[in-house]
Amino acid sequence: LADMATVTDSTLSGNTATNGGGIFNFGTLTLISSTLSDNSAGSGGGIFNSGTSGT
């Protein structure tokens, strides 16, 4: 995403990727009441974010 992403009341688990096993984002990222676990990647196993982070 090049703009904004909001993840609410979510579980991201057991994912695999080159970058950002759970989330790969290039904009503003906000996580609310969410869990990231057991994700793997070369860079950013849970989150690869090349933007800004919200709350």
Foldseek 3Di string as FASTA:
>chain_A
DQEEDEAECEEFADAEDQEARREEEEEEYEYYNYYYDHACHVYHRHYDYNYHYDD
